[in-house]
Full PDB file with SEQRES, HELIX, SHEET, SSBOND, CRYST1, ORIGX, SCALE, CONECT and MASTER records, all heavy atoms in Angstrom:
SEQRES   1 A   32  GLU SER HIS PHE GLY ARG ALA ALA GLU ARG LEU HIS VAL          
SEQRES   2 A   32  SER GLN PRO ALA LEU SER ARG THR ILE ARG ALA LEU GLU          
SEQRES   3 A   32  ASP GLY VAL GLY VAL ALA                                      
HELIX    1 AA1 PHE A    4  LEU A   11  1                                   8    
HELIX    2 AA2 GLN A   15  VAL A   29  1                                  15    
CRYST1    1.000    1.000    1.000  90.00  90.00  90.00 P 1           1          
ORIGX1      1.000000  0.000000  0.000000        0.00000                         
ORIGX2      0.000000  1.000000  0.000000        0.00000                         
ORIGX3      0.000000  0.000000  1.000000        0.00000                         
SCALE1      1.000000  0.000000  0.000000        0.00000                         
SCALE2      0.000000  1.000000  0.000000        0.00000                         
SCALE3      0.000000  0.000000  1.000000        0.00000                         
ATOM      1  N   GLU A   1      19.790  22.280  -6.885  1.00  0.00           N  
ATOM      2  CA  GLU A   1      18.717  23.112  -6.333  1.00  0.00           C  
ATOM      3  C   GLU A   1      18.641  23.042  -4.819  1.00  0.00           C  
ATOM      4  O   GLU A   1      18.048  23.932  -4.181  1.00  0.00           O  
ATOM      5  CB  GLU A   1      17.369  22.697  -6.930  1.00  0.00           C  
ATOM      6  CG  GLU A   1      17.264  22.858  -8.444  1.00  0.00           C  
ATOM      7  CD  GLU A   1      17.260  24.309  -8.865  1.00  0.00           C  
ATOM      8  OE1 GLU A   1      17.017  25.193  -8.013  1.00  0.00           O  
ATOM      9  OE2 GLU A   1      17.512  24.575 -10.070  1.00  0.00           O  
ATOM     10  N   SER A   2      19.209  21.974  -4.232  1.00  0.00           N  
ATOM     11  CA  SER A   2      19.120  21.730  -2.785  1.00  0.00           C  
ATOM     12  C   SER A   2      17.672  21.723  -2.307  1.00  0.00           C  
ATOM     13  O   SER A   2      17.378  22.093  -1.173  1.00  0.00           O  
ATOM     14  CB  SER A   2      19.931  22.784  -1.999  1.00  0.00           C  
ATOM     15  OG  SER A   2      21.295  22.729  -2.346  1.00  0.00           O  
ATOM     16  N   HIS A   3      16.783  21.293  -3.170  1.00  0.00           N  
ATOM     17  CA  HIS A   3      15.362  21.332  -2.832  1.00  0.00           C  
ATOM     18  C   HIS A   3      14.605  20.453  -3.835  1.00  0.00           C  
ATOM     19  O   HIS A   3      14.753  20.610  -5.061  1.00  0.00           O  
ATOM     20  CB  HIS A   3      14.852  22.779  -2.904  1.00  0.00           C  
ATOM     21  CG  HIS A   3      13.517  22.985  -2.290  1.00  0.00           C  
ATOM     22  ND1 HIS A   3      12.347  22.697  -2.956  1.00  0.00           N  
ATOM     23  CD2 HIS A   3      13.152  23.451  -1.065  1.00  0.00           C  
ATOM     24  CE1 HIS A   3      11.323  22.994  -2.178  1.00  0.00           C  
ATOM     25  NE2 HIS A   3      11.787  23.449  -1.009  1.00  0.00           N  
ATOM     26  N   PHE A   4      13.782  19.546  -3.330  1.00  0.00           N  
ATOM     27  CA  PHE A   4      13.052  18.635  -4.209  1.00  0.00           C  
ATOM     28  C   PHE A   4      11.987  19.375  -5.026  1.00  0.00           C  
ATOM     29  O   PHE A   4      11.775  19.076  -6.200  1.00  0.00           O  
ATOM     30  CB  PHE A   4      12.390  17.520  -3.380  1.00  0.00           C  
ATOM     31  CG  PHE A   4      13.278  16.311  -3.208  1.00  0.00           C  
ATOM     32  CD1 PHE A   4      14.210  16.254  -2.172  1.00  0.00           C  
ATOM     33  CD2 PHE A   4      13.194  15.246  -4.082  1.00  0.00           C  
ATOM     34  CE1 PHE A   4      15.023  15.153  -2.011  1.00  0.00           C  
ATOM     35  CE2 PHE A   4      14.013  14.133  -3.920  1.00  0.00           C  
ATOM     36  CZ  PHE A   4      14.938  14.082  -2.882  1.00  0.00           C  
ATOM     37  N   GLY A   5      11.320  20.328  -4.383  1.00  0.00           N  
ATOM     38  CA  GLY A   5      10.258  21.046  -5.081  1.00  0.00           C  
ATOM     39  C   GLY A   5      10.786  21.820  -6.278  1.00  0.00           C  
ATOM     40  O   GLY A   5      10.232  21.744  -7.387  1.00  0.00           O  
ATOM     41  N   ARG A   6      11.882  22.582  -6.071  1.00  0.00           N  
ATOM     42  CA  ARG A   6      12.454  23.360  -7.174  1.00  0.00           C  
ATOM     43  C   ARG A   6      13.033  22.441  -8.262  1.00  0.00           C  
ATOM     44  O   ARG A   6      12.915  22.719  -9.455  1.00  0.00           O  
ATOM     45  CB  ARG A   6      13.539  24.297  -6.648  1.00  0.00           C  
ATOM     46  CG  ARG A   6      13.003  25.444  -5.800  1.00  0.00           C  
ATOM     47  CD  ARG A   6      14.066  26.507  -5.585  1.00  0.00           C  
ATOM     48  NE  ARG A   6      15.210  25.993  -4.839  1.00  0.00           N  
ATOM     49  CZ  ARG A   6      15.302  26.024  -3.510  1.00  0.00           C  
ATOM     50  NH1 ARG A   6      14.297  26.536  -2.774  1.00  0.00           N  
ATOM     51  NH2 ARG A   6      16.363  25.544  -2.887  1.00  0.00           N  
ATOM     52  N   ALA A   7      13.633  21.324  -7.821  1.00  0.00           N  
ATOM     53  CA  ALA A   7      14.184  20.383  -8.798  1.00  0.00           C  
ATOM     54  C   ALA A   7      13.069  19.761  -9.636  1.00  0.00           C  
ATOM     55  O   ALA A   7      13.223  19.569 -10.846  1.00  0.00           O  
ATOM     56  CB  ALA A   7      14.987  19.298  -8.087  1.00  0.00           C  
ATOM     57  N   ALA A   8      11.928  19.456  -8.987  1.00  0.00           N  
ATOM     58  CA  ALA A   8      10.796  18.878  -9.716  1.00  0.00           C  
ATOM     59  C   ALA A   8      10.276  19.869 -10.760  1.00  0.00           C  
ATOM     60  O   ALA A   8       9.954  19.484 -11.897  1.00  0.00           O  
ATOM     61  CB  ALA A   8       9.691  18.476  -8.743  1.00  0.00           C  
ATOM     62  N   GLU A   9      10.187  21.147 -10.395  1.00  0.00           N  
ATOM     63  CA  GLU A   9       9.750  22.164 -11.355  1.00  0.00           C  
ATOM     64  C   GLU A   9      10.735  22.277 -12.518  1.00  0.00           C  
ATOM     65  O   GLU A   9      10.336  22.410 -13.676  1.00  0.00           O  
ATOM     66  CB  GLU A   9       9.622  23.517 -10.653  1.00  0.00           C  
ATOM     67  CG  GLU A   9       8.466  23.585  -9.650  1.00  0.00           C  
ATOM     68  CD  GLU A   9       8.402  24.937  -8.958  1.00  0.00           C  
ATOM     69  OE1 GLU A   9       9.220  25.826  -9.310  1.00  0.00           O  
ATOM     70  OE2 GLU A   9       7.551  25.101  -8.059  1.00  0.00           O  
ATOM     71  N   ARG A  10      11.998  22.216 -12.209  1.00  0.00           N  
ATOM     72  CA  ARG A  10      13.040  22.318 -13.243  1.00  0.00           C  
ATOM     73  C   ARG A  10      12.969  21.158 -14.238  1.00  0.00           C  
ATOM     74  O   ARG A  10      13.170  21.350 -15.444  1.00  0.00           O  
ATOM     75  CB  ARG A  10      14.407  22.346 -12.557  1.00  0.00           C  
ATOM     76  CG  ARG A  10      15.621  22.199 -13.460  1.00  0.00           C  
ATOM     77  CD  ARG A  10      16.879  22.423 -12.634  1.00  0.00           C  
ATOM     78  NE  ARG A  10      18.047  21.803 -13.220  1.00  0.00           N  
ATOM     79  CZ  ARG A  10      19.259  21.849 -12.695  1.00  0.00           C  
ATOM     80  NH1 ARG A  10      19.447  22.496 -11.542  1.00  0.00           N  
ATOM     81  NH2 ARG A  10      20.282  21.267 -13.270  1.00  0.00           N  
ATOM     82  N   LEU A  11      12.618  19.985 -13.718  1.00  0.00           N  
ATOM     83  CA  LEU A  11      12.556  18.794 -14.566  1.00  0.00           C  
ATOM     84  C   LEU A  11      11.172  18.546 -15.145  1.00  0.00           C  
ATOM     85  O   LEU A  11      10.989  17.612 -15.928  1.00  0.00           O  
ATOM     86  CB  LEU A  11      12.997  17.563 -13.769  1.00  0.00           C  
ATOM     87  CG  LEU A  11      14.444  17.557 -13.273  1.00  0.00           C  
ATOM     88  CD1 LEU A  11      14.673  16.384 -12.341  1.00  0.00           C  
ATOM     89  CD2 LEU A  11      15.419  17.514 -14.440  1.00  0.00           C  
ATOM     90  N   HIS A  12      10.205  19.373 -14.726  1.00  0.00           N  
ATOM     91  CA  HIS A  12       8.826  19.229 -15.196  1.00  0.00           C  
ATOM     92  C   HIS A  12       8.239  17.865 -14.830  1.00  0.00           C  
ATOM     93  O   HIS A  12       7.625  17.184 -15.658  1.00  0.00           O  
ATOM     94  CB  HIS A  12       8.747  19.452 -16.717  1.00  0.00           C  
ATOM     95  CG  HIS A  12       9.327  20.751 -17.171  1.00  0.00           C  
ATOM     96  ND1 HIS A  12       8.731  21.970 -16.890  1.00  0.00           N  
ATOM     97  CD2 HIS A  12      10.460  21.032 -17.860  1.00  0.00           C  
ATOM     98  CE1 HIS A  12       9.479  22.942 -17.412  1.00  0.00           C  
ATOM     99  NE2 HIS A  12      10.534  22.387 -18.001  1.00  0.00           N  
ATOM    100  N   VAL A  13       8.476  17.451 -13.591  1.00  0.00           N  
ATOM    101  CA  VAL A  13       7.888  16.211 -13.065  1.00  0.00           C  
ATOM    102  C   VAL A  13       7.271  16.519 -11.707  1.00  0.00           C  
ATOM    103  O   VAL A  13       7.523  17.573 -11.109  1.00  0.00           O  
ATOM    104  CB  VAL A  13       8.946  15.094 -12.921  1.00  0.00           C  
ATOM    105  CG1 VAL A  13       9.554  14.753 -14.262  1.00  0.00           C  
ATOM    106  CG2 VAL A  13      10.037  15.493 -11.922  1.00  0.00           C  
ATOM    107  N   SER A  14       6.473  15.594 -11.214  1.00  0.00           N  
ATOM    108  CA  SER A  14       5.894  15.781  -9.882  1.00  0.00           C  
ATOM    109  C   SER A  14       6.940  15.478  -8.826  1.00  0.00           C  
ATOM    110  O   SER A  14       7.876  14.704  -9.056  1.00  0.00           O  
ATOM    111  CB  SER A  14       4.682  14.859  -9.700  1.00  0.00           C  
ATOM    112  OG  SER A  14       5.101  13.505  -9.656  1.00  0.00           O  
ATOM    113  N   GLN A  15       6.761  16.070  -7.647  1.00  0.00           N  
ATOM    114  CA  GLN A  15       7.724  15.854  -6.567  1.00  0.00           C  
ATOM    115  C   GLN A  15       7.741  14.397  -6.112  1.00  0.00           C  
ATOM    116  O   GLN A  15       8.826  13.847  -5.885  1.00  0.00           O  
ATOM    117  CB  GLN A  15       7.422  16.795  -5.392  1.00  0.00           C  
ATOM    118  CG  GLN A  15       8.509  16.760  -4.315  1.00  0.00           C  
ATOM    119  CD  GLN A  15       8.344  17.889  -3.312  1.00  0.00           C  
ATOM    120  OE1 GLN A  15       7.837  18.959  -3.646  1.00  0.00           O  
ATOM    121  NE2 GLN A  15       8.743  17.645  -2.069  1.00  0.00           N  
ATOM    122  N   PRO A  16       6.565  13.733  -5.965  1.00  0.00           N  
ATOM    123  CA  PRO A  16       6.613  12.308  -5.586  1.00  0.00           C  
ATOM    124  C   PRO A  16       7.370  11.463  -6.608  1.00  0.00           C  
ATOM    125  O   PRO A  16       8.112  10.557  -6.234  1.00  0.00           O  
ATOM    126  CB  PRO A  16       5.135  11.921  -5.526  1.00  0.00           C  
ATOM    127  CG  PRO A  16       4.426  13.195  -5.231  1.00  0.00           C  
ATOM    128  CD  PRO A  16       5.188  14.241  -5.965  1.00  0.00           C  
ATOM    129  N   ALA A  17       7.172  11.746  -7.902  1.00  0.00           N  
ATOM    130  CA  ALA A  17       7.880  10.976  -8.929  1.00  0.00           C  
ATOM    131  C   ALA A  17       9.382  11.202  -8.831  1.00  0.00           C  
ATOM    132  O   ALA A  17      10.182  10.271  -8.990  1.00  0.00           O  
ATOM    133  CB  ALA A  17       7.381  11.369 -10.308  1.00  0.00           C  
ATOM    134  N   LEU A  18       9.785  12.436  -8.533  1.00  0.00           N  
ATOM    135  CA  LEU A  18      11.207  12.740  -8.383  1.00  0.00           C  
ATOM    136  C   LEU A  18      11.784  12.005  -7.184  1.00  0.00           C  
ATOM    137  O   LEU A  18      12.893  11.454  -7.244  1.00  0.00           O  
ATOM    138  CB  LEU A  18      11.406  14.245  -8.245  1.00  0.00           C  
ATOM    139  CG  LEU A  18      12.850  14.726  -8.039  1.00  0.00           C  
ATOM    140  CD1 LEU A  18      13.740  14.285  -9.197  1.00  0.00           C  
ATOM    141  CD2 LEU A  18      12.895  16.239  -7.884  1.00  0.00           C  
ATOM    142  N   SER A  19      11.045  11.979  -6.079  1.00  0.00           N  
ATOM    143  CA  SER A  19      11.509  11.274  -4.883  1.00  0.00           C  
ATOM    144  C   SER A  19      11.707   9.796  -5.176  1.00  0.00           C  
ATOM    145  O   SER A  19      12.691   9.185  -4.726  1.00  0.00           O  
ATOM    146  CB  SER A  19      10.509  11.460  -3.740  1.00  0.00           C  
ATOM    147  OG  SER A  19      10.417  12.828  -3.373  1.00  0.00           O  
ATOM    148  N   ARG A  20      10.779   9.195  -5.924  1.00  0.00           N  
ATOM    149  CA  ARG A  20      10.923   7.779  -6.255  1.00  0.00           C  
ATOM    150  C   ARG A  20      12.158   7.537  -7.121  1.00  0.00           C  
ATOM    151  O   ARG A  20      12.876   6.532  -6.972  1.00  0.00           O  
ATOM    152  CB  ARG A  20       9.672   7.290  -7.000  1.00  0.00           C  
ATOM    153  CG  ARG A  20       8.438   7.159  -6.105  1.00  0.00           C  
ATOM    154  CD  ARG A  20       7.336   6.373  -6.793  1.00  0.00           C  
ATOM    155  NE  ARG A  20       6.845   7.047  -7.993  1.00  0.00           N  
ATOM    156  CZ  ARG A  20       5.844   7.933  -7.986  1.00  0.00           C  
ATOM    157  NH1 ARG A  20       5.243   8.276  -6.840  1.00  0.00           N  
ATOM    158  NH2 ARG A  20       5.435   8.491  -9.112  1.00  0.00           N  
ATOM    159  N   THR A  21      12.445   8.460  -8.044  1.00  0.00           N  
ATOM    160  CA  THR A  21      13.620   8.315  -8.908  1.00  0.00           C  
ATOM    161  C   THR A  21      14.901   8.369  -8.084  1.00  0.00           C  
ATOM    162  O   THR A  21      15.834   7.582  -8.316  1.00  0.00           O  
ATOM    163  CB  THR A  21      13.634   9.425  -9.979  1.00  0.00           C  
ATOM    164  OG1 THR A  21      12.449   9.328 -10.758  1.00  0.00           O  
ATOM    165  CG2 THR A  21      14.847   9.302 -10.892  1.00  0.00           C  
ATOM    166  N   ILE A  22      14.969   9.294  -7.128  1.00  0.00           N  
ATOM    167  CA  ILE A  22      16.165   9.412  -6.279  1.00  0.00           C  
ATOM    168  C   ILE A  22      16.325   8.166  -5.420  1.00  0.00           C  
ATOM    169  O   ILE A  22      17.439   7.653  -5.241  1.00  0.00           O  
ATOM    170  CB  ILE A  22      16.096  10.684  -5.419  1.00  0.00           C  
ATOM    171  CG1 ILE A  22      16.132  11.937  -6.301  1.00  0.00           C  
ATOM    172  CG2 ILE A  22      17.231  10.705  -4.392  1.00  0.00           C  
ATOM    173  CD1 ILE A  22      17.391  12.079  -7.126  1.00  0.00           C  
ATOM    174  N   ARG A  23      15.221   7.647  -4.869  1.00  0.00           N  
ATOM    175  CA  ARG A  23      15.302   6.420  -4.062  1.00  0.00           C  
ATOM    176  C   ARG A  23      15.800   5.256  -4.909  1.00  0.00           C  
ATOM    177  O   ARG A  23      16.623   4.452  -4.455  1.00  0.00           O  
ATOM    178  CB  ARG A  23      13.935   6.078  -3.460  1.00  0.00           C  
ATOM    179  CG  ARG A  23      13.572   6.926  -2.237  1.00  0.00           C  
ATOM    180  CD  ARG A  23      12.456   6.299  -1.423  1.00  0.00           C  
ATOM    181  NE  ARG A  23      11.229   6.138  -2.197  1.00  0.00           N  
ATOM    182  CZ  ARG A  23      10.287   7.067  -2.301  1.00  0.00           C  
ATOM    183  NH1 ARG A  23      10.434   8.236  -1.678  1.00  0.00           N  
ATOM    184  NH2 ARG A  23       9.199   6.842  -3.017  1.00  0.00           N  
ATOM    185  N   ALA A  24      15.334   5.186  -6.156  1.00  0.00           N  
ATOM    186  CA  ALA A  24      15.785   4.114  -7.044  1.00  0.00           C  
ATOM    187  C   ALA A  24      17.281   4.242  -7.324  1.00  0.00           C  
ATOM    188  O   ALA A  24      18.008   3.241  -7.386  1.00  0.00           O  
ATOM    189  CB  ALA A  24      15.001   4.145  -8.346  1.00  0.00           C  
ATOM    190  N   LEU A  25      17.762   5.460  -7.468  1.00  0.00           N  
ATOM    191  CA  LEU A  25      19.190   5.682  -7.691  1.00  0.00           C  
ATOM    192  C   LEU A  25      19.995   5.260  -6.478  1.00  0.00           C  
ATOM    193  O   LEU A  25      21.012   4.562  -6.605  1.00  0.00           O  
ATOM    194  CB  LEU A  25      19.448   7.156  -8.025  1.00  0.00           C  
ATOM    195  CG  LEU A  25      20.923   7.559  -8.155  1.00  0.00           C  
ATOM    196  CD1 LEU A  25      21.594   6.809  -9.298  1.00  0.00           C  
ATOM    197  CD2 LEU A  25      21.051   9.071  -8.362  1.00  0.00           C  
ATOM    198  N   GLU A  26      19.558   5.673  -5.304  1.00  0.00           N  
ATOM    199  CA  GLU A  26      20.278   5.311  -4.077  1.00  0.00           C  
ATOM    200  C   GLU A  26      20.262   3.808  -3.857  1.00  0.00           C  
ATOM    201  O   GLU A  26      21.261   3.220  -3.418  1.00  0.00           O  
ATOM    202  CB  GLU A  26      19.673   6.044  -2.888  1.00  0.00           C  
ATOM    203  CG  GLU A  26      19.953   7.548  -2.913  1.00  0.00           C  
ATOM    204  CD  GLU A  26      19.373   8.276  -1.725  1.00  0.00           C  
ATOM    205  OE1 GLU A  26      18.243   7.945  -1.317  1.00  0.00           O  
ATOM    206  OE2 GLU A  26      20.049   9.185  -1.199  1.00  0.00           O  
ATOM    207  N   ASP A  27      19.146   3.159  -4.193  1.00  0.00           N  
ATOM    208  CA  ASP A  27      19.094   1.701  -4.084  1.00  0.00           C  
ATOM    209  C   ASP A  27      20.078   1.065  -5.061  1.00  0.00           C  
ATOM    210  O   ASP A  27      20.748   0.072  -4.740  1.00  0.00           O  
ATOM    211  CB  ASP A  27      17.676   1.197  -4.388  1.00  0.00           C  
ATOM    212  CG  ASP A  27      16.691   1.532  -3.275  1.00  0.00           C  
ATOM    213  OD1 ASP A  27      17.147   1.853  -2.159  1.00  0.00           O  
ATOM    214  OD2 ASP A  27      15.475   1.487  -3.536  1.00  0.00           O  
ATOM    215  N   GLY A  28      20.161   1.644  -6.234  1.00  0.00           N  
ATOM    216  CA  GLY A  28      21.071   1.097  -7.231  1.00  0.00           C  
ATOM    217  C   GLY A  28      22.529   1.268  -6.845  1.00  0.00           C  
ATOM    218  O   GLY A  28      23.341   0.369  -7.051  1.00  0.00           O  
ATOM    219  N   VAL A  29      22.859   2.429  -6.281  1.00  0.00           N  
ATOM    220  CA  VAL A  29      24.240   2.690  -5.868  1.00  0.00           C  
ATOM    221  C   VAL A  29      24.565   1.951  -4.576  1.00  0.00           C  
ATOM    222  O   VAL A  29      25.691   1.480  -4.364  1.00  0.00           O  
ATOM    223  CB  VAL A  29      24.472   4.207  -5.709  1.00  0.00           C  
ATOM    224  CG1 VAL A  29      25.873   4.496  -5.193  1.00  0.00           C  
ATOM    225  CG2 VAL A  29      24.248   4.914  -7.041  1.00  0.00           C  
ATOM    226  N   GLY A  30      23.563   1.875  -3.698  1.00  0.00           N  
ATOM    227  CA  GLY A  30      23.764   1.171  -2.427  1.00  0.00           C  
ATOM    228  C   GLY A  30      24.208   2.052  -1.290  1.00  0.00           C  
ATOM    229  O   GLY A  30      24.545   1.550  -0.211  1.00  0.00           O  
ATOM    230  N   VAL A  31      24.214   3.367  -1.470  1.00  0.00           N  
ATOM    231  CA  VAL A  31      24.582   4.295  -0.407  1.00  0.00           C  
ATOM    232  C   VAL A  31      23.658   5.502  -0.471  1.00  0.00           C  
ATOM    233  O   VAL A  31      23.025   5.762  -1.492  1.00  0.00           O  
ATOM    234  CB  VAL A  31      26.052   4.776  -0.529  1.00  0.00           C  
ATOM    235  CG1 VAL A  31      27.029   3.619  -0.370  1.00  0.00           C  
ATOM    236  CG2 VAL A  31      26.274   5.476  -1.856  1.00  0.00           C  
ATOM    237  N   ALA A  32      23.598   6.242   0.639  1.00  0.00           N  
ATOM    238  CA  ALA A  32      22.806   7.471   0.663  1.00  0.00           C  
ATOM    239  C   ALA A  32      23.557   8.566  -0.079  1.00  0.00           C  
ATOM    240  O   ALA A  32      24.743   8.801   0.166  1.00  0.00           O  
ATOM    241  CB  ALA A  32      22.531   7.883   2.095  1.00  0.00           C  
TER     242      ALA A  32                                                      
MASTER        0    0    0    2    0    0    0    6  241    1    0    3          
END                                                                             
């Protein structure tokens, strides 16, 4: 989607919750 808002709508979650999930993934992988 190249956009957090549209991705959040697609996944039926809030944008803050989506941002936290992406941060957790990046922390897990160790890179941006």
